[in-house]
Amino acid sequence: MSKHLQHDLDRLKKEILAMGALVEEAINRAIASLTQRDAALARQVLEGDDAIDRKEVEVEDLCLKILALHQPVAGDLRYIIAVLKVNNDLERMGDLAQNIAERVTFLAVNEPVPVHLDFTLMVELVRRMVGESLDALVNQDPVLARRVCVQDDEVDRLQKQMFETLQSVMMRDPKAVERAVQVLSVSRHLERIADSATNIAEDIVFMVEGDIIRHRADPARNPPRVKR
């Protein structure tokens, strides 16, 4: 590998990690605004979306530059392809954090839905999946990445449970429909953040092992391939 290629790859790693940090902060703020019913904090999330969009473009431009100038092969090429996909998923996660924040600006100034809703477990699972997917990216850790994939089923289960609860509320109390729909939208956005974290984890496995694990029923049960 030429020193110029290595320099650009090091820069790319720095930029994708910066992108990850921006998105993780947006998600954490969106979650905090939800749990605290804090409209001001939600507005901070909305104001920060432009920075995420700019960083996404910067990372993509750098990937294309490396591909054009260096024509990398094997592991280096796999790494750049994975970064392009991770970059897209991170930007999508930022959009989902913004969507949650938009719902919170409505929910924070209206009465809570008339039913006990505990977002704690879903929130903690989603936060953990995001953090672990980024840790797996930093450390290029396919074992941790596979662990992220396994947790997605539990988030799906919790989202389905939330849907059933809110559906019952809407049938009982027509006046609560608008608020319930907003809360349901929040749970759906959280579930989609978990999906994006899973996508990132799958891309990391591909990056490190060259193994495509998406569409498998249980990626964690497939033995890791020898690193190439």
C-alpha atoms as a PDB file:
ATOM      1  CA  MET A   1       0.000   0.000   0.000  1.00  0.00           C
ATOM      2  CA  SER A   2       1.366   3.431  -0.922  1.00  0.00           C
ATOM      3  CA  LYS A   3       1.801   6.000   1.807  1.00  0.00           C
ATOM      4  CA  HIS A   4      -0.604   8.314  -0.033  1.00  0.00           C
ATOM      5  CA  LEU A   5      -3.341   5.690   0.027  1.00  0.00           C
ATOM      6  CA  GLN A   6      -2.674   4.995   3.701  1.00  0.00           C
ATOM      7  CA  HIS A   7      -2.873   8.711   4.456  1.00  0.00           C
ATOM      8  CA  ASP A   8      -6.248   8.998   2.730  1.00  0.00           C
ATOM      9  CA  LEU A   9      -7.576   5.857   4.444  1.00  0.00           C
ATOM     10  CA  ASP A  10      -6.528   7.241   7.836  1.00  0.00           C
ATOM     11  CA  ARG A  11      -8.329  10.477   7.027  1.00  0.00           C
ATOM     12  CA  LEU A  12     -11.397   8.530   5.930  1.00  0.00           C
ATOM     13  CA  LYS A  13     -11.470   6.646   9.226  1.00  0.00           C
ATOM     14  CA  LYS A  14     -11.274   9.933  11.121  1.00  0.00           C
ATOM     15  CA  GLU A  15     -14.126  11.444   9.104  1.00  0.00           C
ATOM     16  CA  ILE A  16     -16.501   8.466   9.414  1.00  0.00           C
ATOM     17  CA  LEU A  17     -15.894   8.395  13.171  1.00  0.00           C
ATOM     18  CA  ALA A  18     -16.676  12.113  13.335  1.00  0.00           C
ATOM     19  CA  MET A  19     -19.893  11.398  11.441  1.00  0.00           C
ATOM     20  CA  GLY A  20     -20.728   8.647  13.919  1.00  0.00           C
ATOM     21  CA  ALA A  21     -20.139  10.967  16.867  1.00  0.00           C
ATOM     22  CA  LEU A  22     -22.491  13.608  15.426  1.00  0.00           C
ATOM     23  CA  VAL A  23     -25.230  11.056  14.840  1.00  0.00           C
ATOM     24  CA  GLU A  24     -24.845   9.399  18.234  1.00  0.00           C
ATOM     25  CA  GLU A  25     -25.132  12.800  19.912  1.00  0.00           C
ATOM     26  CA  ALA A  26     -28.289  13.588  17.905  1.00  0.00           C
ATOM     27  CA  ILE A  27     -29.874  10.263  18.866  1.00  0.00           C
ATOM     28  CA  ASN A  28     -29.004  10.686  22.547  1.00  0.00           C
ATOM     29  CA  ARG A  29     -30.482  14.193  22.549  1.00  0.00           C
ATOM     30  CA  ALA A  30     -33.619  13.016  20.782  1.00  0.00           C
ATOM     31  CA  ILE A  31     -34.069  10.222  23.314  1.00  0.00           C
ATOM     32  CA  ALA A  32     -33.459  12.608  26.221  1.00  0.00           C
ATOM     33  CA  SER A  33     -35.997  15.073  24.811  1.00  0.00           C
ATOM     34  CA  LEU A  34     -38.512  12.210  24.602  1.00  0.00           C
ATOM     35  CA  THR A  35     -38.015  10.895  28.125  1.00  0.00           C
ATOM     36  CA  GLN A  36     -37.901  14.401  29.632  1.00  0.00           C
ATOM     37  CA  ARG A  37     -40.663  15.862  27.421  1.00  0.00           C
ATOM     38  CA  ASP A  38     -38.245  18.681  26.619  1.00  0.00           C
ATOM     39  CA  ALA A  39     -39.184  20.666  23.509  1.00  0.00           C
ATOM     40  CA  ALA A  40     -36.113  22.922  23.759  1.00  0.00           C
ATOM     41  CA  LEU A  41     -33.797  19.911  23.630  1.00  0.00           C
ATOM     42  CA  ALA A  42     -35.773  18.546  20.682  1.00  0.00           C
ATOM     43  CA  ARG A  43     -35.183  21.809  18.816  1.00  0.00           C
ATOM     44  CA  GLN A  44     -31.435  21.396  19.331  1.00  0.00           C
ATOM     45  CA  VAL A  45     -31.658  18.091  17.477  1.00  0.00           C
ATOM     46  CA  LEU A  46     -33.488  19.771  14.604  1.00  0.00           C
ATOM     47  CA  GLU A  47     -30.889  22.538  14.416  1.00  0.00           C
ATOM     48  CA  GLY A  48     -28.013  20.035  14.261  1.00  0.00           C
ATOM     49  CA  ASP A  49     -29.212  18.102  11.223  1.00  0.00           C
ATOM     50  CA  ASP A  50     -27.430  20.342   8.694  1.00  0.00           C
ATOM     51  CA  ALA A  51     -24.047  19.474  10.237  1.00  0.00           C
ATOM     52  CA  ILE A  52     -24.780  15.761   9.798  1.00  0.00           C
ATOM     53  CA  ASP A  53     -25.797  16.277   6.178  1.00  0.00           C
ATOM     54  CA  ARG A  54     -22.604  18.223   5.436  1.00  0.00           C
ATOM     55  CA  LYS A  55     -20.434  15.554   7.028  1.00  0.00           C
ATOM     56  CA  GLU A  56     -22.175  12.826   5.037  1.00  0.00           C
ATOM     57  CA  VAL A  57     -21.313  14.618   1.793  1.00  0.00           C
ATOM     58  CA  GLU A  58     -17.700  15.111   2.908  1.00  0.00           C
ATOM     59  CA  VAL A  59     -17.263  11.409   3.684  1.00  0.00           C
ATOM     60  CA  GLU A  60     -18.826  10.351   0.390  1.00  0.00           C
ATOM     61  CA  ASP A  61     -16.636  12.761  -1.575  1.00  0.00           C
ATOM     62  CA  LEU A  62     -13.535  11.409   0.152  1.00  0.00           C
ATOM     63  CA  CYS A  63     -14.507   7.811  -0.648  1.00  0.00           C
ATOM     64  CA  LEU A  64     -14.985   8.661  -4.313  1.00  0.00           C
ATOM     65  CA  LYS A  65     -11.677  10.508  -4.396  1.00  0.00           C
ATOM     66  CA  ILE A  66      -9.826   7.491  -2.973  1.00  0.00           C
ATOM     67  CA  LEU A  67     -11.498   5.147  -5.446  1.00  0.00           C
ATOM     68  CA  ALA A  68     -10.601   7.404  -8.385  1.00  0.00           C
ATOM     69  CA  LEU A  69      -7.026   8.225  -7.389  1.00  0.00           C
ATOM     70  CA  HIS A  70      -5.789   4.962  -5.883  1.00  0.00           C
ATOM     71  CA  GLN A  71      -7.969   2.224  -7.382  1.00  0.00           C
ATOM     72  CA  PRO A  72      -7.745   0.130  -4.173  1.00  0.00           C
ATOM     73  CA  VAL A  73      -8.251  -3.637  -4.204  1.00  0.00           C
ATOM     74  CA  ALA A  74      -9.073  -6.485  -1.804  1.00  0.00           C
ATOM     75  CA  GLY A  75      -9.385  -5.396   1.833  1.00  0.00           C
ATOM     76  CA  ASP A  76      -8.922  -1.686   1.124  1.00  0.00           C
ATOM     77  CA  LEU A  77     -11.661  -1.722  -1.493  1.00  0.00           C
ATOM     78  CA  ARG A  78     -13.958  -3.630   0.839  1.00  0.00           C
ATOM     79  CA  TYR A  79     -13.278  -1.061   3.559  1.00  0.00           C
ATOM     80  CA  ILE A  80     -14.214   1.893   1.325  1.00  0.00           C
ATOM     81  CA  ILE A  81     -17.390   0.187   0.100  1.00  0.00           C
ATOM     82  CA  ALA A  82     -18.376  -0.533   3.692  1.00  0.00           C
ATOM     83  CA  VAL A  83     -17.693   3.074   4.741  1.00  0.00           C
ATOM     84  CA  LEU A  84     -19.912   4.353   1.922  1.00  0.00           C
ATOM     85  CA  LYS A  85     -22.757   2.147   3.166  1.00  0.00           C
ATOM     86  CA  VAL A  86     -22.165   2.985   6.831  1.00  0.00           C
ATOM     87  CA  ASN A  87     -22.097   6.684   5.959  1.00  0.00           C
ATOM     88  CA  ASN A  88     -25.524   6.392   4.338  1.00  0.00           C
ATOM     89  CA  ASP A  89     -26.968   4.521   7.318  1.00  0.00           C
ATOM     90  CA  LEU A  90     -25.578   7.088   9.729  1.00  0.00           C
ATOM     91  CA  GLU A  91     -27.178   9.930   7.791  1.00  0.00           C
ATOM     92  CA  ARG A  92     -30.473   8.049   7.867  1.00  0.00           C
ATOM     93  CA  MET A  93     -30.142   7.616  11.635  1.00  0.00           C
ATOM     94  CA  GLY A  94     -29.656  11.367  11.929  1.00  0.00           C
ATOM     95  CA  ASP A  95     -32.876  11.910   9.959  1.00  0.00           C
ATOM     96  CA  LEU A  96     -34.710   9.501  12.262  1.00  0.00           C
ATOM     97  CA  ALA A  97     -33.421  11.352  15.336  1.00  0.00           C
ATOM     98  CA  GLN A  98     -34.767  14.532  13.757  1.00  0.00           C
ATOM     99  CA  ASN A  99     -38.139  12.842  13.151  1.00  0.00           C
ATOM    100  CA  ILE A 100     -38.314  11.844  16.831  1.00  0.00           C
ATOM    101  CA  ALA A 101     -37.484  15.410  17.836  1.00  0.00           C
ATOM    102  CA  GLU A 102     -40.297  16.748  15.632  1.00  0.00           C
ATOM    103  CA  ARG A 103     -42.772  14.446  17.374  1.00  0.00           C
ATOM    104  CA  VAL A 104     -41.473  15.510  20.791  1.00  0.00           C
ATOM    105  CA  THR A 105     -42.135  19.190  20.035  1.00  0.00           C
ATOM    106  CA  PHE A 106     -45.804  18.212  19.734  1.00  0.00           C
ATOM    107  CA  LEU A 107     -45.945  15.720  22.602  1.00  0.00           C
ATOM    108  CA  ALA A 108     -44.164  18.005  25.061  1.00  0.00           C
ATOM    109  CA  VAL A 109     -46.931  20.625  24.929  1.00  0.00           C
ATOM    110  CA  ASN A 110     -49.859  18.183  25.067  1.00  0.00           C
ATOM    111  CA  GLU A 111     -51.209  15.899  27.755  1.00  0.00           C
ATOM    112  CA  PRO A 112     -49.583  12.434  27.873  1.00  0.00           C
ATOM    113  CA  VAL A 113     -51.410   9.538  26.242  1.00  0.00           C
ATOM    114  CA  PRO A 114     -53.846   8.088  28.837  1.00  0.00           C
ATOM    115  CA  VAL A 115     -52.011   4.800  29.318  1.00  0.00           C
ATOM    116  CA  HIS A 116     -48.784   3.750  30.985  1.00  0.00           C
ATOM    117  CA  LEU A 117     -46.060   3.609  28.330  1.00  0.00           C
ATOM    118  CA  ASP A 118     -42.596   2.500  29.311  1.00  0.00           C
ATOM    119  CA  PHE A 119     -40.046   3.374  26.639  1.00  0.00           C
ATOM    120  CA  THR A 120     -37.161   2.534  28.973  1.00  0.00           C
ATOM    121  CA  LEU A 121     -36.225  -0.885  27.612  1.00  0.00           C
ATOM    122  CA  MET A 122     -36.623   0.059  23.955  1.00  0.00           C
ATOM    123  CA  VAL A 123     -34.644   3.269  24.439  1.00  0.00           C
ATOM    124  CA  GLU A 124     -31.825   1.499  26.250  1.00  0.00           C
ATOM    125  CA  LEU A 125     -31.647  -1.261  23.624  1.00  0.00           C
ATOM    126  CA  VAL A 126     -31.552   1.220  20.760  1.00  0.00           C
ATOM    127  CA  ARG A 127     -28.944   3.362  22.510  1.00  0.00           C
ATOM    128  CA  ARG A 128     -26.820   0.257  23.172  1.00  0.00           C
ATOM    129  CA  MET A 129     -27.106  -0.966  19.584  1.00  0.00           C
ATOM    130  CA  VAL A 130     -26.017   2.428  18.231  1.00  0.00           C
ATOM    131  CA  GLY A 131     -23.083   2.630  20.637  1.00  0.00           C
ATOM    132  CA  GLU A 132     -21.961  -0.939  20.015  1.00  0.00           C
ATOM    133  CA  SER A 133     -22.240  -0.612  16.241  1.00  0.00           C
ATOM    134  CA  LEU A 134     -19.974   2.452  16.384  1.00  0.00           C
ATOM    135  CA  ASP A 135     -17.564   0.671  18.757  1.00  0.00           C
ATOM    136  CA  ALA A 136     -17.460  -2.240  16.325  1.00  0.00           C
ATOM    137  CA  LEU A 137     -16.678   0.217  13.551  1.00  0.00           C
ATOM    138  CA  VAL A 138     -13.847   1.862  15.507  1.00  0.00           C
ATOM    139  CA  ASN A 139     -12.298  -1.465  16.479  1.00  0.00           C
ATOM    140  CA  GLN A 140     -13.316  -3.361  13.318  1.00  0.00           C
ATOM    141  CA  ASP A 141     -14.810  -5.976  15.624  1.00  0.00           C
ATOM    142  CA  PRO A 142     -17.054  -8.507  13.819  1.00  0.00           C
ATOM    143  CA  VAL A 143     -17.917 -10.343  17.052  1.00  0.00           C
ATOM    144  CA  LEU A 144     -19.427  -7.200  18.569  1.00  0.00           C
ATOM    145  CA  ALA A 145     -21.103  -6.418  15.244  1.00  0.00           C
ATOM    146  CA  ARG A 146     -22.838  -9.806  15.223  1.00  0.00           C
ATOM    147  CA  ARG A 147     -24.040  -9.149  18.775  1.00  0.00           C
ATOM    148  CA  VAL A 148     -25.699  -5.964  17.574  1.00  0.00           C
ATOM    149  CA  CYS A 149     -27.580  -7.933  14.911  1.00  0.00           C
ATOM    150  CA  VAL A 150     -29.037 -10.312  17.491  1.00  0.00           C
ATOM    151  CA  GLN A 151     -30.506  -7.470  19.590  1.00  0.00           C
ATOM    152  CA  ASP A 152     -32.643  -6.207  16.718  1.00  0.00           C
ATOM    153  CA  ASP A 153     -35.282  -8.912  17.235  1.00  0.00           C
ATOM    154  CA  GLU A 154     -35.973  -7.664  20.771  1.00  0.00           C
ATOM    155  CA  VAL A 155     -36.466  -4.088  19.536  1.00  0.00           C
ATOM    156  CA  ASP A 156     -38.917  -5.394  16.922  1.00  0.00           C
ATOM    157  CA  ARG A 157     -40.831  -7.237  19.650  1.00  0.00           C
ATOM    158  CA  LEU A 158     -41.053  -4.131  21.823  1.00  0.00           C
ATOM    159  CA  GLN A 159     -42.222  -2.002  18.906  1.00  0.00           C
ATOM    160  CA  LYS A 160     -44.987  -4.497  18.132  1.00  0.00           C
ATOM    161  CA  GLN A 161     -46.005  -4.444  21.787  1.00  0.00           C
ATOM    162  CA  MET A 162     -46.111  -0.629  21.721  1.00  0.00           C
ATOM    163  CA  PHE A 163     -48.275  -0.723  18.588  1.00  0.00           C
ATOM    164  CA  GLU A 164     -50.790  -3.068  20.206  1.00  0.00           C
ATOM    165  CA  THR A 165     -50.998  -0.912  23.344  1.00  0.00           C
ATOM    166  CA  LEU A 166     -51.522   2.322  21.415  1.00  0.00           C
ATOM    167  CA  GLN A 167     -54.026   0.690  19.084  1.00  0.00           C
ATOM    168  CA  SER A 168     -56.144  -0.177  22.128  1.00  0.00           C
ATOM    169  CA  VAL A 169     -55.907   3.402  23.382  1.00  0.00           C
ATOM    170  CA  MET A 170     -57.100   4.797  20.054  1.00  0.00           C
ATOM    171  CA  MET A 171     -60.066   2.416  19.978  1.00  0.00           C
ATOM    172  CA  ARG A 172     -61.095   3.372  23.517  1.00  0.00           C
ATOM    173  CA  ASP A 173     -60.524   7.108  23.375  1.00  0.00           C
ATOM    174  CA  PRO A 174     -60.923   8.936  20.033  1.00  0.00           C
ATOM    175  CA  LYS A 175     -59.673  12.169  21.647  1.00  0.00           C
ATOM    176  CA  ALA A 176     -56.294  10.536  22.224  1.00  0.00           C
ATOM    177  CA  VAL A 177     -55.803   9.410  18.621  1.00  0.00           C
ATOM    178  CA  GLU A 178     -53.540  12.259  17.500  1.00  0.00           C
ATOM    179  CA  ARG A 179     -51.268  11.941  20.533  1.00  0.00           C
ATOM    180  CA  ALA A 180     -51.192   8.158  20.241  1.00  0.00           C
ATOM    181  CA  VAL A 181     -50.249   8.369  16.564  1.00  0.00           C
ATOM    182  CA  GLN A 182     -47.352  10.693  17.430  1.00  0.00           C
ATOM    183  CA  VAL A 183     -46.111   8.298  20.132  1.00  0.00           C
ATOM    184  CA  LEU A 184     -46.461   5.351  17.765  1.00  0.00           C
ATOM    185  CA  SER A 185     -44.407   7.260  15.220  1.00  0.00           C
ATOM    186  CA  VAL A 186     -41.678   7.762  17.817  1.00  0.00           C
ATOM    187  CA  SER A 187     -41.531   4.037  18.566  1.00  0.00           C
ATOM    188  CA  ARG A 188     -41.384   3.272  14.858  1.00  0.00           C
ATOM    189  CA  HIS A 189     -38.489   5.701  14.368  1.00  0.00           C
ATOM    190  CA  LEU A 190     -36.635   4.096  17.281  1.00  0.00           C
ATOM    191  CA  GLU A 191     -37.141   0.691  15.664  1.00  0.00           C
ATOM    192  CA  ARG A 192     -35.757   2.032  12.389  1.00  0.00           C
ATOM    193  CA  ILE A 193     -32.695   3.428  14.159  1.00  0.00           C
ATOM    194  CA  ALA A 194     -32.113  -0.093  15.469  1.00  0.00           C
ATOM    195  CA  ASP A 195     -32.475  -1.401  11.898  1.00  0.00           C
ATOM    196  CA  SER A 196     -29.831   1.076  10.712  1.00  0.00           C
ATOM    197  CA  ALA A 197     -27.488   0.058  13.539  1.00  0.00           C
ATOM    198  CA  THR A 198     -27.972  -3.545  12.393  1.00  0.00           C
ATOM    199  CA  ASN A 199     -27.139  -2.542   8.819  1.00  0.00           C
ATOM    200  CA  ILE A 200     -23.925  -0.929  10.043  1.00  0.00           C
ATOM    201  CA  ALA A 201     -23.048  -4.061  11.998  1.00  0.00           C
ATOM    202  CA  GLU A 202     -23.591  -6.218   8.908  1.00  0.00           C
ATOM    203  CA  ASP A 203     -21.360  -3.885   6.885  1.00  0.00           C
ATOM    204  CA  ILE A 204     -18.614  -4.198   9.513  1.00  0.00           C
ATOM    205  CA  VAL A 205     -18.698  -7.991   9.250  1.00  0.00           C
ATOM    206  CA  PHE A 206     -18.340  -7.608   5.481  1.00  0.00           C
ATOM    207  CA  MET A 207     -15.540  -5.073   5.933  1.00  0.00           C
ATOM    208  CA  VAL A 208     -13.480  -7.303   8.218  1.00  0.00           C
ATOM    209  CA  GLU A 209     -14.323 -10.814   7.024  1.00  0.00           C
ATOM    210  CA  GLY A 210     -15.660 -10.320   3.514  1.00  0.00           C
ATOM    211  CA  ASP A 211     -18.755 -12.222   4.665  1.00  0.00           C
ATOM    212  CA  ILE A 212     -22.221 -11.020   3.611  1.00  0.00           C
ATOM    213  CA  ILE A 213     -24.574 -11.848   6.493  1.00  0.00           C
ATOM    214  CA  ARG A 214     -27.652  -9.765   5.686  1.00  0.00           C
ATOM    215  CA  HIS A 215     -30.832 -11.778   5.049  1.00  0.00           C
ATOM    216  CA  ARG A 216     -29.616 -14.576   7.321  1.00  0.00           C
ATOM    217  CA  ALA A 217     -32.053 -15.671  10.017  1.00  0.00           C
ATOM    218  CA  ASP A 218     -29.435 -15.490  12.773  1.00  0.00           C
ATOM    219  CA  PRO A 219     -26.114 -13.880  11.748  1.00  0.00           C
ATOM    220  CA  ALA A 220     -24.576 -14.526  15.164  1.00  0.00           C
ATOM    221  CA  ARG A 221     -24.836 -18.314  14.732  1.00  0.00           C
ATOM    222  CA  ASN A 222     -22.819 -18.350  11.544  1.00  0.00           C
ATOM    223  CA  PRO A 223     -19.163 -18.992  12.353  1.00  0.00           C
ATOM    224  CA  PRO A 224     -16.839 -16.099  11.421  1.00  0.00           C
ATOM    225  CA  ARG A 225     -14.715 -16.630   8.365  1.00  0.00           C
ATOM    226  CA  VAL A 226     -10.953 -16.374   8.400  1.00  0.00           C
ATOM    227  CA  LYS A 227      -9.892 -12.745   8.044  1.00  0.00           C
ATOM    228  CA  ARG A 228      -8.368 -12.055   4.661  1.00  0.00           C
END
